[in-house]
Amino acid sequence: MATTQDTFIDGIEKETGLSIDEIRRTPLDDLRSLFERKNGKRMEFVKSFPLIERGSVLGDCVISHAEVEDDFDKALTALRK
């Protein structure tokens, strides 16, 4: 029986046409360029933050591939609980 993570990964691979390992090894800027060419439109990466009392925490910096992978792994771990 496939786990939620397996189903999620299969969906990503089918939608992108790339294996999950290819996606993990490829820098975000290279993926962005690939998908912009493939889809014919500009792509933006957005990191959302929760509202905190009087305002919000702004995410105005670019994050590294490793940080994205770490956030993604944390999200998948949370799904398994």
PDB file of N, CA and C in Angstrom:
ATOM      1  N   MET A   1       0.840  -1.185   0.000  1.00  0.00           N
ATOM      2  CA  MET A   1       0.000   0.000   0.000  1.00  0.00           C
ATOM      3  C   MET A   1       0.884   1.247   0.000  1.00  0.00           C
ATOM      4  N   ALA A   2       0.574   2.178  -0.867  1.00  0.00           N
ATOM      5  CA  ALA A   2       1.364   3.404  -0.988  1.00  0.00           C
ATOM      6  C   ALA A   2       1.066   4.339   0.182  1.00  0.00           C
ATOM      7  N   THR A   3       2.118   4.954   0.696  1.00  0.00           N
ATOM      8  CA  THR A   3       1.943   5.926   1.767  1.00  0.00           C
ATOM      9  C   THR A   3       1.546   7.269   1.167  1.00  0.00           C
ATOM     10  N   THR A   4       1.135   8.191   2.021  1.00  0.00           N
ATOM     11  CA  THR A   4       0.798   9.539   1.569  1.00  0.00           C
ATOM     12  C   THR A   4       1.996  10.188   0.900  1.00  0.00           C
ATOM     13  N   GLN A   5       3.172   9.985   1.472  1.00  0.00           N
ATOM     14  CA  GLN A   5       4.387  10.560   0.894  1.00  0.00           C
ATOM     15  C   GLN A   5       4.655   9.975  -0.497  1.00  0.00           C
ATOM     16  N   ASP A   6       4.503   8.676  -0.657  1.00  0.00           N
ATOM     17  CA  ASP A   6       4.710   8.041  -1.962  1.00  0.00           C
ATOM     18  C   ASP A   6       3.742   8.597  -3.010  1.00  0.00           C
ATOM     19  N   THR A   7       2.486   8.746  -2.621  1.00  0.00           N
ATOM     20  CA  THR A   7       1.476   9.295  -3.518  1.00  0.00           C
ATOM     21  C   THR A   7       1.819  10.730  -3.899  1.00  0.00           C
ATOM     22  N   PHE A   8       2.260  11.504  -2.911  1.00  0.00           N
ATOM     23  CA  PHE A   8       2.649  12.894  -3.139  1.00  0.00           C
ATOM     24  C   PHE A   8       3.821  12.959  -4.124  1.00  0.00           C
ATOM     25  N   ILE A   9       4.836  12.140  -3.888  1.00  0.00           N
ATOM     26  CA  ILE A   9       6.019  12.115  -4.757  1.00  0.00           C
ATOM     27  C   ILE A   9       5.654  11.671  -6.166  1.00  0.00           C
ATOM     28  N   ASP A  10       4.812  10.649  -6.281  1.00  0.00           N
ATOM     29  CA  ASP A  10       4.370  10.194  -7.602  1.00  0.00           C
ATOM     30  C   ASP A  10       3.664  11.313  -8.367  1.00  0.00           C
ATOM     31  N   GLY A  11       2.829  12.061  -7.665  1.00  0.00           N
ATOM     32  CA  GLY A  11       2.123  13.175  -8.285  1.00  0.00           C
ATOM     33  C   GLY A  11       3.076  14.254  -8.779  1.00  0.00           C
ATOM     34  N   ILE A  12       4.088  14.553  -7.978  1.00  0.00           N
ATOM     35  CA  ILE A  12       5.088  15.556  -8.370  1.00  0.00           C
ATOM     36  C   ILE A  12       5.849  15.077  -9.600  1.00  0.00           C
ATOM     37  N   GLU A  13       6.255  13.819  -9.605  1.00  0.00           N
ATOM     38  CA  GLU A  13       7.012  13.282 -10.740  1.00  0.00           C
ATOM     39  C   GLU A  13       6.177  13.286 -12.021  1.00  0.00           C
ATOM     40  N   LYS A  14       4.903  12.936 -11.916  1.00  0.00           N
ATOM     41  CA  LYS A  14       4.042  12.931 -13.101  1.00  0.00           C
ATOM     42  C   LYS A  14       3.817  14.345 -13.620  1.00  0.00           C
ATOM     43  N   GLU A  15       3.611  15.292 -12.710  1.00  0.00           N
ATOM     44  CA  GLU A  15       3.324  16.673 -13.106  1.00  0.00           C
ATOM     45  C   GLU A  15       4.547  17.360 -13.715  1.00  0.00           C
ATOM     46  N   THR A  16       5.733  17.099 -13.161  1.00  0.00           N
ATOM     47  CA  THR A  16       6.939  17.790 -13.626  1.00  0.00           C
ATOM     48  C   THR A  16       7.669  17.056 -14.740  1.00  0.00           C
ATOM     49  N   GLY A  17       7.492  15.743 -14.817  1.00  0.00           N
ATOM     50  CA  GLY A  17       8.247  14.955 -15.789  1.00  0.00           C
ATOM     51  C   GLY A  17       9.669  14.681 -15.340  1.00  0.00           C
ATOM     52  N   LEU A  18       9.967  14.962 -14.081  1.00  0.00           N
ATOM     53  CA  LEU A  18      11.303  14.731 -13.501  1.00  0.00           C
ATOM     54  C   LEU A  18      11.176  13.794 -12.304  1.00  0.00           C
ATOM     55  N   SER A  19      12.233  13.021 -12.053  1.00  0.00           N
ATOM     56  CA  SER A  19      12.223  12.183 -10.852  1.00  0.00           C
ATOM     57  C   SER A  19      12.452  13.068  -9.631  1.00  0.00           C
ATOM     58  N   ILE A  20      12.048  12.592  -8.485  1.00  0.00           N
ATOM     59  CA  ILE A  20      12.221  13.365  -7.253  1.00  0.00           C
ATOM     60  C   ILE A  20      13.703  13.601  -6.981  1.00  0.00           C
ATOM     61  N   ASP A  21      14.555  12.642  -7.350  1.00  0.00           N
ATOM     62  CA  ASP A  21      15.999  12.825  -7.166  1.00  0.00           C
ATOM     63  C   ASP A  21      16.540  13.922  -8.064  1.00  0.00           C
ATOM     64  N   GLU A  22      16.039  14.002  -9.320  1.00  0.00           N
ATOM     65  CA  GLU A  22      16.454  15.085 -10.219  1.00  0.00           C
ATOM     66  C   GLU A  22      16.040  16.441  -9.642  1.00  0.00           C
ATOM     67  N   ILE A  23      14.831  16.496  -9.103  1.00  0.00           N
ATOM     68  CA  ILE A  23      14.342  17.744  -8.522  1.00  0.00           C
ATOM     69  C   ILE A  23      15.200  18.141  -7.327  1.00  0.00           C
ATOM     70  N   ARG A  24      15.541  17.177  -6.478  1.00  0.00           N
ATOM     71  CA  ARG A  24      16.356  17.470  -5.288  1.00  0.00           C
ATOM     72  C   ARG A  24      17.746  17.967  -5.652  1.00  0.00           C
ATOM     73  N   ARG A  25      18.323  17.430  -6.720  1.00  0.00           N
ATOM     74  CA  ARG A  25      19.691  17.796  -7.110  1.00  0.00           C
ATOM     75  C   ARG A  25      19.773  19.094  -7.901  1.00  0.00           C
ATOM     76  N   THR A  26      18.673  19.533  -8.467  1.00  0.00           N
ATOM     77  CA  THR A  26      18.676  20.693  -9.351  1.00  0.00           C
ATOM     78  C   THR A  26      18.437  21.975  -8.560  1.00  0.00           C
ATOM     79  N   PRO A  27      19.300  22.969  -8.734  1.00  0.00           N
ATOM     80  CA  PRO A  27      19.086  24.259  -8.050  1.00  0.00           C
ATOM     81  C   PRO A  27      17.736  24.867  -8.466  1.00  0.00           C
ATOM     82  N   LEU A  28      17.124  25.608  -7.552  1.00  0.00           N
ATOM     83  CA  LEU A  28      15.808  26.180  -7.812  1.00  0.00           C
ATOM     84  C   LEU A  28      15.790  27.071  -9.047  1.00  0.00           C
ATOM     85  N   ASP A  29      16.851  27.828  -9.262  1.00  0.00           N
ATOM     86  CA  ASP A  29      16.866  28.721 -10.419  1.00  0.00           C
ATOM     87  C   ASP A  29      16.834  27.927 -11.722  1.00  0.00           C
ATOM     88  N   ASP A  30      17.512  26.782 -11.750  1.00  0.00           N
ATOM     89  CA  ASP A  30      17.481  25.922 -12.942  1.00  0.00           C
ATOM     90  C   ASP A  30      16.092  25.320 -13.150  1.00  0.00           C
ATOM     91  N   LEU A  31      15.444  24.907 -12.060  1.00  0.00           N
ATOM     92  CA  LEU A  31      14.082  24.384 -12.159  1.00  0.00           C
ATOM     93  C   LEU A  31      13.131  25.479 -12.651  1.00  0.00           C
ATOM     94  N   ARG A  32      13.304  26.671 -12.101  1.00  0.00           N
ATOM     95  CA  ARG A  32      12.470  27.798 -12.512  1.00  0.00           C
ATOM     96  C   ARG A  32      12.598  28.033 -14.018  1.00  0.00           C
ATOM     97  N   SER A  33      13.828  28.089 -14.498  1.00  0.00           N
ATOM     98  CA  SER A  33      14.054  28.313 -15.933  1.00  0.00           C
ATOM     99  C   SER A  33      13.415  27.207 -16.775  1.00  0.00           C
ATOM    100  N   LEU A  34      13.582  25.961 -16.344  1.00  0.00           N
ATOM    101  CA  LEU A  34      13.009  24.827 -17.064  1.00  0.00           C
ATOM    102  C   LEU A  34      11.485  24.936 -17.160  1.00  0.00           C
ATOM    103  N   PHE A  35      10.837  25.224 -16.023  1.00  0.00           N
ATOM    104  CA  PHE A  35       9.375  25.280 -16.016  1.00  0.00           C
ATOM    105  C   PHE A  35       8.838  26.530 -16.700  1.00  0.00           C
ATOM    106  N   GLU A  36       9.599  27.632 -16.666  1.00  0.00           N
ATOM    107  CA  GLU A  36       9.173  28.816 -17.411  1.00  0.00           C
ATOM    108  C   GLU A  36       9.178  28.528 -18.912  1.00  0.00           C
ATOM    109  N   ARG A  37      10.217  27.855 -19.379  1.00  0.00           N
ATOM    110  CA  ARG A  37      10.264  27.481 -20.805  1.00  0.00           C
ATOM    111  C   ARG A  37       9.141  26.498 -21.146  1.00  0.00           C
ATOM    112  N   LYS A  38       8.950  25.506 -20.278  1.00  0.00           N
ATOM    113  CA  LYS A  38       7.949  24.466 -20.520  1.00  0.00           C
ATOM    114  C   LYS A  38       6.524  25.033 -20.524  1.00  0.00           C
ATOM    115  N   ASN A  39       6.230  25.929 -19.577  1.00  0.00           N
ATOM    116  CA  ASN A  39       4.867  26.441 -19.416  1.00  0.00           C
ATOM    117  C   ASN A  39       4.624  27.777 -20.113  1.00  0.00           C
ATOM    118  N   GLY A  40       5.702  28.426 -20.548  1.00  0.00           N
ATOM    119  CA  GLY A  40       5.550  29.686 -21.262  1.00  0.00           C
ATOM    120  C   GLY A  40       5.103  30.858 -20.409  1.00  0.00           C
ATOM    121  N   LYS A  41       5.318  30.788 -19.100  1.00  0.00           N
ATOM    122  CA  LYS A  41       4.977  31.923 -18.238  1.00  0.00           C
ATOM    123  C   LYS A  41       5.955  32.014 -17.068  1.00  0.00           C
ATOM    124  N   ARG A  42       6.036  33.203 -16.489  1.00  0.00           N
ATOM    125  CA  ARG A  42       6.967  33.481 -15.396  1.00  0.00           C
ATOM    126  C   ARG A  42       6.552  32.733 -14.131  1.00  0.00           C
ATOM    127  N   MET A  43       7.537  32.254 -13.390  1.00  0.00           N
ATOM    128  CA  MET A  43       7.288  31.512 -12.163  1.00  0.00           C
ATOM    129  C   MET A  43       7.867  32.273 -10.985  1.00  0.00           C
ATOM    130  N   GLU A  44       7.156  32.298  -9.877  1.00  0.00           N
ATOM    131  CA  GLU A  44       7.641  32.967  -8.671  1.00  0.00           C
ATOM    132  C   GLU A  44       7.620  31.983  -7.511  1.00  0.00           C
ATOM    133  N   PHE A  45       8.628  32.085  -6.649  1.00  0.00           N
ATOM    134  CA  PHE A  45       8.675  31.294  -5.428  1.00  0.00           C
ATOM    135  C   PHE A  45       8.268  32.199  -4.282  1.00  0.00           C
ATOM    136  N   VAL A  46       7.350  31.725  -3.468  1.00  0.00           N
ATOM    137  CA  VAL A  46       6.858  32.521  -2.358  1.00  0.00           C
ATOM    138  C   VAL A  46       6.931  31.679  -1.095  1.00  0.00           C
ATOM    139  N   LYS A  47       7.423  32.300  -0.033  1.00  0.00           N
ATOM    140  CA  LYS A  47       7.434  31.630   1.262  1.00  0.00           C
ATOM    141  C   LYS A  47       6.495  32.410   2.164  1.00  0.00           C
ATOM    142  N   SER A  48       5.461  31.764   2.652  1.00  0.00           N
ATOM    143  CA  SER A  48       4.446  32.432   3.455  1.00  0.00           C
ATOM    144  C   SER A  48       4.752  32.292   4.936  1.00  0.00           C
ATOM    145  N   PHE A  49       4.384  33.311   5.669  1.00  0.00           N
ATOM    146  CA  PHE A  49       4.576  33.318   7.112  1.00  0.00           C
ATOM    147  C   PHE A  49       3.232  33.570   7.779  1.00  0.00           C
ATOM    148  N   PRO A  50       3.033  33.065   8.979  1.00  0.00           N
ATOM    149  CA  PRO A  50       1.766  33.317   9.681  1.00  0.00           C
ATOM    150  C   PRO A  50       1.693  34.767  10.173  1.00  0.00           C
ATOM    151  N   LEU A  51       0.469  35.249  10.348  1.00  0.00           N
ATOM    152  CA  LEU A  51       0.297  36.581  10.934  1.00  0.00           C
ATOM    153  C   LEU A  51       0.661  36.515  12.412  1.00  0.00           C
ATOM    154  N   ILE A  52       1.333  37.550  12.892  1.00  0.00           N
ATOM    155  CA  ILE A  52       1.724  37.604  14.295  1.00  0.00           C
ATOM    156  C   ILE A  52       1.245  38.934  14.859  1.00  0.00           C
ATOM    157  N   GLU A  53       0.270  38.901  15.741  1.00  0.00           N
ATOM    158  CA  GLU A  53      -0.337  40.048  16.405  1.00  0.00           C
ATOM    159  C   GLU A  53      -0.560  41.227  15.477  1.00  0.00           C
ATOM    160  N   ARG A  54       0.280  42.251  15.497  1.00  0.00           N
ATOM    161  CA  ARG A  54       0.002  43.495  14.786  1.00  0.00           C
ATOM    162  C   ARG A  54       0.451  43.516  13.341  1.00  0.00           C
ATOM    163  N   GLY A  55       1.111  42.499  12.888  1.00  0.00           N
ATOM    164  CA  GLY A  55       1.599  42.512  11.519  1.00  0.00           C
ATOM    165  C   GLY A  55       1.998  41.119  11.103  1.00  0.00           C
ATOM    166  N   SER A  56       2.825  41.059  10.116  1.00  0.00           N
ATOM    167  CA  SER A  56       3.288  39.757   9.676  1.00  0.00           C
ATOM    168  C   SER A  56       4.807  39.761   9.598  1.00  0.00           C
ATOM    169  N   VAL A  57       5.372  38.591   9.641  1.00  0.00           N
ATOM    170  CA  VAL A  57       6.803  38.438   9.479  1.00  0.00           C
ATOM    171  C   VAL A  57       7.059  38.416   7.979  1.00  0.00           C
ATOM    172  N   LEU A  58       7.929  39.275   7.506  1.00  0.00           N
ATOM    173  CA  LEU A  58       8.155  39.364   6.072  1.00  0.00           C
ATOM    174  C   LEU A  58       9.277  38.441   5.641  1.00  0.00           C
ATOM    175  N   GLY A  59       9.066  37.746   4.572  1.00  0.00           N
ATOM    176  CA  GLY A  59      10.084  36.865   4.018  1.00  0.00           C
ATOM    177  C   GLY A  59      10.643  37.473   2.747  1.00  0.00           C
ATOM    178  N   ASP A  60      11.473  38.470   2.891  1.00  0.00           N
ATOM    179  CA  ASP A  60      11.952  39.203   1.724  1.00  0.00           C
ATOM    180  C   ASP A  60      13.343  38.768   1.266  1.00  0.00           C
ATOM    181  N   CYS A  61      13.744  37.571   1.626  1.00  0.00           N
ATOM    182  CA  CYS A  61      15.061  37.109   1.194  1.00  0.00           C
ATOM    183  C   CYS A  61      14.923  35.790   0.426  1.00  0.00           C
ATOM    184  N   VAL A  62      15.894  35.510  -0.397  1.00  0.00           N
ATOM    185  CA  VAL A  62      15.918  34.259  -1.144  1.00  0.00           C
ATOM    186  C   VAL A  62      16.469  33.180  -0.230  1.00  0.00           C
ATOM    187  N   ILE A  63      15.857  32.015  -0.255  1.00  0.00           N
ATOM    188  CA  ILE A  63      16.347  30.930   0.576  1.00  0.00           C
ATOM    189  C   ILE A  63      17.053  29.894  -0.291  1.00  0.00           C
ATOM    190  N   SER A  64      17.958  29.183   0.323  1.00  0.00           N
ATOM    191  CA  SER A  64      18.789  28.233  -0.419  1.00  0.00           C
ATOM    192  C   SER A  64      18.026  26.940  -0.716  1.00  0.00           C
ATOM    193  N   HIS A  65      18.589  26.174  -1.640  1.00  0.00           N
ATOM    194  CA  HIS A  65      18.031  24.860  -1.981  1.00  0.00           C
ATOM    195  C   HIS A  65      17.968  23.983  -0.735  1.00  0.00           C
ATOM    196  N   ALA A  66      19.018  24.021   0.082  1.00  0.00           N
ATOM    197  CA  ALA A  66      19.070  23.208   1.304  1.00  0.00           C
ATOM    198  C   ALA A  66      17.959  23.608   2.277  1.00  0.00           C
ATOM    199  N   GLU A  67      17.678  24.916   2.391  1.00  0.00           N
ATOM    200  CA  GLU A  67      16.615  25.368   3.282  1.00  0.00           C
ATOM    201  C   GLU A  67      15.247  24.905   2.789  1.00  0.00           C
ATOM    202  N   VAL A  68      15.050  24.943   1.488  1.00  0.00           N
ATOM    203  CA  VAL A  68      13.785  24.469   0.914  1.00  0.00           C
ATOM    204  C   VAL A  68      13.632  22.981   1.189  1.00  0.00           C
ATOM    205  N   GLU A  69      14.702  22.222   0.971  1.00  0.00           N
ATOM    206  CA  GLU A  69      14.653  20.779   1.229  1.00  0.00           C
ATOM    207  C   GLU A  69      14.353  20.499   2.697  1.00  0.00           C
ATOM    208  N   ASP A  70      14.969  21.259   3.601  1.00  0.00           N
ATOM    209  CA  ASP A  70      14.742  21.078   5.033  1.00  0.00           C
ATOM    210  C   ASP A  70      13.283  21.372   5.382  1.00  0.00           C
ATOM    211  N   ASP A  71      12.743  22.480   4.853  1.00  0.00           N
ATOM    212  CA  ASP A  71      11.338  22.815   5.104  1.00  0.00           C
ATOM    213  C   ASP A  71      10.408  21.733   4.560  1.00  0.00           C
ATOM    214  N   PHE A  72      10.728  21.237   3.369  1.00  0.00           N
ATOM    215  CA  PHE A  72       9.904  20.199   2.745  1.00  0.00           C
ATOM    216  C   PHE A  72       9.941  18.917   3.580  1.00  0.00           C
ATOM    217  N   ASP A  73      11.134  18.515   4.032  1.00  0.00           N
ATOM    218  CA  ASP A  73      11.252  17.320   4.854  1.00  0.00           C
ATOM    219  C   ASP A  73      10.467  17.464   6.163  1.00  0.00           C
ATOM    220  N   LYS A  74      10.503  18.655   6.767  1.00  0.00           N
ATOM    221  CA  LYS A  74       9.747  18.899   7.993  1.00  0.00           C
ATOM    222  C   LYS A  74       8.250  18.770   7.739  1.00  0.00           C
ATOM    223  N   ALA A  75       7.793  19.306   6.595  1.00  0.00           N
ATOM    224  CA  ALA A  75       6.370  19.228   6.250  1.00  0.00           C
ATOM    225  C   ALA A  75       5.934  17.774   6.050  1.00  0.00           C
ATOM    226  N   LEU A  76       6.764  16.988   5.342  1.00  0.00           N
ATOM    227  CA  LEU A  76       6.430  15.574   5.132  1.00  0.00           C
ATOM    228  C   LEU A  76       6.428  14.804   6.442  1.00  0.00           C
ATOM    229  N   THR A  77       7.364  15.120   7.317  1.00  0.00           N
ATOM    230  CA  THR A  77       7.415  14.460   8.631  1.00  0.00           C
ATOM    231  C   THR A  77       6.142  14.768   9.415  1.00  0.00           C
ATOM    232  N   ALA A  78       5.703  16.020   9.343  1.00  0.00           N
ATOM    233  CA  ALA A  78       4.477  16.410  10.050  1.00  0.00           C
ATOM    234  C   ALA A  78       3.254  15.672   9.496  1.00  0.00           C
ATOM    235  N   LEU A  79       3.241  15.401   8.185  1.00  0.00           N
ATOM    236  CA  LEU A  79       2.121  14.682   7.578  1.00  0.00           C
ATOM    237  C   LEU A  79       2.039  13.248   8.082  1.00  0.00           C
ATOM    238  N   ARG A  80       3.180  12.675   8.394  1.00  0.00           N
ATOM    239  CA  ARG A  80       3.208  11.263   8.843  1.00  0.00           C
ATOM    240  C   ARG A  80       2.710  11.093  10.261  1.00  0.00           C
ATOM    241  N   LYS A  81       2.679  12.176  11.033  1.00  0.00           N
ATOM    242  CA  LYS A  81       2.268  12.074  12.446  1.00  0.00           C
ATOM    243  C   LYS A  81       0.780  12.031  12.606  1.00  0.00           C
TER     244      LYS A  81
END
